[in-house]
Amino acid sequence: MKLISWNVNGIRAVLKKNFTDFVLEHNPDILCLQETKARPEQVELPLDLAGYKTYWNSAEKAGYSGTAVFTKTEPLSVRLGIGSEKAAEGDKEGRVITLEYPDFFLVTVYTPNSKNELLRLPYRMEWDIAFREYLKALEAEGKPVIASGDLNVAHQEIDLARPKTNHHSAGFSKEERAGFTELVNAGFVDTFRHFHPDKSDTYSWWSYRAGARGNNVGWRIDYWITSESLTPKLTSASINDDVLGSDHCPVTLEIDL
């Protein structure tokens, strides 16, 4: 199976660019999208994508946040949000979709940003705990988890171009990095680092400012993570940093299921 995740920074905007060509060329079995910024009735998908069933979780606030999943195989069930009091605000922002398949759960997430001066960090820490507990609860139902999305954290110094000047920045604070460490310690695998433990200068997000993408001054904040039990089935993990259309690029996981 080929699985792709992409923060598109507005589905309606990226549809006017290269979205359809990208999907047809790469032909994923499942495509997870974050920051869709639209309700499904506002999105006119081309007939070329008719082979995909689509599931949406849109924010209550218009033009904000939101997630979607395009899948070739109809799931057994679909869940929106994570249903935690700790994450109630995030559930209103359309941040999580879960699809249940016979042998696994597929989750896509758009993790809340801690914002400038870490103003939203306390909520973000609550979210990290709630999301980790949610994934473990899914595992407890008897199936492994495959999760993807914009997790809004660069875990290690190797995961961003300028770590020394960003230790107090949203996405690289010690608290957020510790939250990701807790996720790994809870039994989840960062699939890109599984295959590329020392690879540097490979990022999934670049600021629109100061030519950051052209100079590759980026961050790796988009992930595919899986339950440890799926590690033997992982085939490859890659970052499609040549794909334009958003301030993020797609990330790909191939897995033998």
Protein backbone atom coordinates (compact mmCIF):
# COMPACT_ATOMS: atom_id res chain seq x y z
CA MET A 1 0.00 0.00 0.00
CA LYS A 2 1.11 3.52 -0.75
CA LEU A 3 -0.03 6.12 1.77
CA ILE A 4 0.51 9.86 1.32
CA SER A 5 -0.09 12.72 3.73
CA TRP A 6 -0.07 16.41 2.79
CA ASN A 7 -0.87 19.65 4.56
CA VAL A 8 -2.29 21.43 1.54
CA ASN A 9 -2.81 24.84 3.22
CA GLY A 10 -6.22 25.17 1.57
CA ILE A 11 -7.71 22.43 -0.63
CA ARG A 12 -9.45 24.92 -2.91
CA ALA A 13 -6.19 26.75 -3.56
CA VAL A 14 -4.12 23.64 -4.26
CA LEU A 15 -6.80 22.25 -6.61
CA LYS A 16 -6.04 25.25 -8.85
CA LYS A 17 -2.37 24.26 -8.88
CA ASN A 18 -0.95 20.74 -9.14
CA PHE A 19 -3.11 18.68 -6.79
CA THR A 20 -4.90 16.49 -9.32
CA ASP A 21 -1.77 15.83 -11.37
CA PHE A 22 0.10 14.89 -8.21
CA VAL A 23 -2.57 12.42 -7.08
CA LEU A 24 -2.85 10.81 -10.51
CA GLU A 25 0.92 10.50 -10.85
CA HIS A 26 1.57 9.03 -7.40
CA ASN A 27 -1.69 7.06 -7.21
CA PRO A 28 -1.87 6.55 -3.43
CA ASP A 29 -4.19 3.97 -1.95
CA ILE A 30 -4.94 6.46 0.83
CA LEU A 31 -4.34 10.21 0.78
CA CYS A 32 -4.57 12.16 4.05
CA LEU A 33 -4.94 15.94 3.95
CA GLN A 34 -4.57 18.58 6.63
CA GLU A 35 -5.48 22.26 6.76
CA THR A 36 -8.17 21.83 4.13
CA LYS A 37 -9.84 25.12 5.15
CA ALA A 38 -13.17 24.15 3.59
CA ARG A 39 -16.37 22.20 3.98
CA PRO A 40 -16.88 19.39 1.45
CA GLU A 41 -19.78 21.17 -0.24
CA GLN A 42 -17.39 24.04 -1.03
CA VAL A 43 -14.98 21.75 -2.89
CA GLU A 44 -15.53 20.65 -6.47
CA LEU A 45 -13.29 17.67 -7.11
CA PRO A 46 -12.41 16.78 -10.71
CA LEU A 47 -13.89 13.63 -12.23
CA ASP A 48 -10.34 12.27 -12.46
CA LEU A 49 -10.52 11.66 -8.69
CA ALA A 50 -13.85 9.83 -8.80
CA GLY A 51 -12.12 6.58 -7.82
CA TYR A 52 -11.63 7.89 -4.28
CA LYS A 53 -14.15 7.91 -1.48
CA THR A 54 -13.70 11.07 0.57
CA TYR A 55 -14.24 11.77 4.25
CA TRP A 56 -14.07 15.24 5.75
CA ASN A 57 -13.82 16.81 9.19
CA SER A 58 -14.24 20.55 8.83
CA ALA A 59 -13.76 23.21 11.49
CA GLU A 60 -16.74 25.07 12.86
CA LYS A 61 -14.85 28.27 12.00
CA ALA A 62 -15.07 28.93 8.26
CA GLY A 63 -11.85 28.71 6.26
CA TYR A 64 -9.81 27.30 9.15
CA SER A 65 -8.02 24.06 9.93
CA GLY A 66 -9.81 20.87 8.82
CA THR A 67 -8.79 17.42 7.59
CA ALA A 68 -9.83 14.99 4.88
CA VAL A 69 -9.05 11.46 3.73
CA PHE A 70 -9.28 10.14 0.18
CA THR A 71 -9.32 6.34 0.03
CA LYS A 72 -9.77 3.75 -2.71
CA THR A 73 -11.13 1.20 -0.23
CA GLU A 74 -14.24 1.95 1.80
CA PRO A 75 -13.51 1.70 5.53
CA LEU A 76 -15.51 -0.29 8.05
CA SER A 77 -16.18 2.84 10.07
CA VAL A 78 -15.27 6.53 10.30
CA ARG A 79 -14.74 8.60 13.42
CA LEU A 80 -14.37 12.37 13.59
CA GLY A 81 -12.34 13.92 16.41
CA ILE A 82 -10.96 12.12 19.45
CA GLY A 83 -13.74 12.77 21.93
CA SER A 84 -11.53 13.92 24.79
CA GLU A 85 -12.33 16.77 27.17
CA LYS A 86 -8.64 17.71 26.96
CA ALA A 87 -8.99 18.14 23.19
CA ALA A 88 -12.52 19.51 22.99
CA GLU A 89 -11.36 22.72 21.34
CA GLY A 90 -9.42 20.77 18.72
CA ASP A 91 -12.40 18.61 17.94
CA LYS A 92 -14.30 21.77 17.03
CA GLU A 93 -11.44 22.59 14.64
CA GLY A 94 -11.77 19.39 12.58
CA ARG A 95 -8.32 18.10 13.44
CA VAL A 96 -8.66 14.30 13.41
CA ILE A 97 -10.25 11.63 11.21
CA THR A 98 -10.00 7.90 11.94
CA LEU A 99 -10.83 5.21 9.39
CA GLU A 100 -11.15 1.62 10.55
CA TYR A 101 -10.08 -1.16 8.19
CA PRO A 102 -10.11 -4.92 8.81
CA ASP A 103 -6.47 -5.02 9.92
CA PHE A 104 -5.62 -1.50 11.13
CA PHE A 105 -6.80 1.96 12.08
CA LEU A 106 -5.80 4.88 9.85
CA VAL A 107 -5.62 8.27 11.57
CA THR A 108 -4.87 11.69 10.14
CA VAL A 109 -4.22 14.67 12.40
CA TYR A 110 -3.57 18.39 12.16
CA THR A 111 -1.95 19.15 15.50
CA PRO A 112 -2.61 22.58 17.05
CA ASN A 113 0.20 25.11 16.66
CA SER A 114 1.60 26.66 19.85
CA LYS A 115 1.62 30.06 18.13
CA ASN A 116 3.99 33.00 18.50
CA GLU A 117 5.56 33.36 21.93
CA LEU A 118 4.09 29.90 22.69
CA LEU A 119 0.76 31.47 23.63
CA ARG A 120 -1.14 28.23 22.98
CA LEU A 121 1.48 25.90 24.48
CA PRO A 122 -0.59 24.87 27.55
CA TYR A 123 -3.44 23.72 25.31
CA ARG A 124 -0.97 22.07 22.95
CA MET A 125 0.44 20.00 25.82
CA GLU A 126 -3.06 18.87 26.76
CA TRP A 127 -3.65 17.94 23.13
CA ASP A 128 -0.47 15.87 22.90
CA ILE A 129 -1.53 13.82 25.93
CA ALA A 130 -5.08 13.37 24.63
CA PHE A 131 -3.93 12.34 21.16
CA ARG A 132 -1.42 9.83 22.52
CA GLU A 133 -4.10 8.35 24.78
CA TYR A 134 -6.45 8.17 21.80
CA LEU A 135 -3.97 6.19 19.70
CA LYS A 136 -3.31 3.79 22.56
CA ALA A 137 -7.07 3.32 23.02
CA LEU A 138 -7.35 2.40 19.35
CA GLU A 139 -4.60 -0.19 19.77
CA ALA A 140 -6.48 -1.56 22.77
CA GLU A 141 -9.38 -2.35 20.41
CA GLY A 142 -7.11 -4.99 18.90
CA LYS A 143 -5.72 -3.40 15.75
CA PRO A 144 -2.45 -1.54 15.07
CA VAL A 145 -2.47 2.15 14.18
CA ILE A 146 -1.11 3.99 11.17
CA ALA A 147 -1.18 7.74 11.77
CA SER A 148 -0.16 10.68 9.64
CA GLY A 149 -0.24 14.40 9.51
CA ASP A 150 1.19 17.75 10.41
CA LEU A 151 2.28 17.17 14.00
CA ASN A 152 3.68 20.70 14.28
CA VAL A 153 6.90 19.60 15.95
CA ALA A 154 10.46 19.03 14.79
CA HIS A 155 11.57 16.27 17.12
CA GLN A 156 15.35 16.54 16.97
CA GLU A 157 17.88 19.15 15.95
CA ILE A 158 18.44 17.23 12.73
CA ASP A 159 14.79 17.92 11.87
CA LEU A 160 15.17 21.63 11.17
CA ALA A 161 17.72 23.80 9.45
CA ARG A 162 18.40 26.25 12.29
CA PRO A 163 17.89 24.53 15.64
CA LYS A 164 20.08 26.82 17.72
CA THR A 165 17.90 29.89 17.14
CA ASN A 166 14.57 28.09 17.52
CA HIS A 167 14.60 26.47 20.96
CA HIS A 168 11.87 28.84 22.13
CA SER A 169 9.89 28.77 18.89
CA ALA A 170 6.56 27.04 18.32
CA GLY A 171 7.28 23.54 17.05
CA PHE A 172 10.70 23.22 18.68
CA SER A 173 10.12 24.02 22.33
CA LYS A 174 11.40 21.48 24.84
CA GLU A 175 7.82 20.73 25.85
CA GLU A 176 6.66 19.89 22.32
CA ARG A 177 9.73 17.81 21.61
CA ALA A 178 9.21 15.92 24.87
CA GLY A 179 5.62 15.30 23.82
CA PHE A 180 6.80 13.60 20.65
CA THR A 181 9.34 11.58 22.65
CA GLU A 182 6.47 10.38 24.84
CA LEU A 183 4.62 9.28 21.71
CA VAL A 184 7.62 7.23 20.58
CA ASN A 185 8.08 5.79 24.07
CA ALA A 186 4.41 4.76 24.04
CA GLY A 187 5.21 2.35 21.21
CA PHE A 188 5.03 4.31 17.98
CA VAL A 189 7.59 4.50 15.19
CA ASP A 190 8.67 7.64 13.32
CA THR A 191 8.83 5.83 9.99
CA PHE A 192 11.06 8.34 8.21
CA ARG A 193 13.70 8.09 10.95
CA HIS A 194 13.30 4.31 10.93
CA PHE A 195 14.61 4.26 7.37
CA HIS A 196 16.78 7.41 7.51
CA PRO A 197 18.13 7.75 11.07
CA ASP A 198 20.84 10.27 10.19
CA LYS A 199 19.48 12.00 7.10
CA SER A 200 19.68 15.78 7.32
CA ASP A 201 18.57 18.70 5.14
CA THR A 202 15.29 16.97 4.33
CA TYR A 203 12.24 18.94 5.41
CA SER A 204 8.48 19.04 4.87
CA TRP A 205 7.64 22.68 5.69
CA TRP A 206 9.21 26.02 4.78
CA SER A 207 8.17 29.52 5.73
CA TYR A 208 6.97 31.73 2.89
CA ARG A 209 9.38 34.37 4.17
CA ALA A 210 12.86 35.27 2.94
CA GLY A 211 13.13 32.59 0.26
CA ALA A 212 13.18 29.81 2.87
CA ARG A 213 12.21 27.05 0.47
CA GLY A 214 14.67 28.07 -2.20
CA ASN A 215 17.41 28.04 0.42
CA ASN A 216 16.04 24.87 2.05
CA VAL A 217 15.66 26.52 5.45
CA GLY A 218 12.94 24.17 6.55
CA TRP A 219 11.46 21.95 9.23
CA ARG A 220 10.40 18.29 9.23
CA ILE A 221 7.04 18.46 10.98
CA ASP A 222 4.92 16.10 8.84
CA TYR A 223 5.01 12.42 9.74
CA TRP A 224 3.85 8.90 9.24
CA ILE A 225 3.94 7.03 12.53
CA THR A 226 2.87 3.43 13.14
CA SER A 227 2.42 0.99 15.97
CA GLU A 228 5.67 -0.87 16.64
CA SER A 229 4.01 -4.15 15.69
CA LEU A 230 3.87 -2.94 12.07
CA THR A 231 7.61 -2.29 11.81
CA PRO A 232 8.36 -5.56 9.93
CA LYS A 233 5.78 -4.56 7.33
CA LEU A 234 7.25 -1.11 6.58
CA THR A 235 8.73 -0.92 3.07
CA SER A 236 9.83 2.72 2.68
CA ALA A 237 9.23 6.25 3.94
CA SER A 238 10.05 9.38 1.98
CA ILE A 239 9.51 13.12 1.80
CA ASN A 240 8.37 14.49 -1.56
CA ASP A 241 10.17 17.81 -1.22
CA ASP A 242 10.07 18.43 -4.97
CA VAL A 243 6.28 18.84 -4.87
CA LEU A 244 5.07 22.44 -4.74
CA GLY A 245 1.59 23.86 -4.21
CA SER A 246 1.68 24.45 -0.45
CA ASP A 247 4.14 25.61 2.21
CA HIS A 248 4.27 21.90 3.15
CA CYS A 249 5.19 19.03 0.86
CA PRO A 250 3.69 15.52 0.87
CA VAL A 251 5.21 12.65 2.85
CA THR A 252 4.87 9.03 1.75
CA LEU A 253 4.79 5.67 3.48
CA GLU A 254 4.79 2.32 1.72
CA ILE A 255 3.75 -0.66 3.79
CA ASP A 256 3.11 -4.31 2.98
CA LEU A 257 -0.34 -5.11 4.34
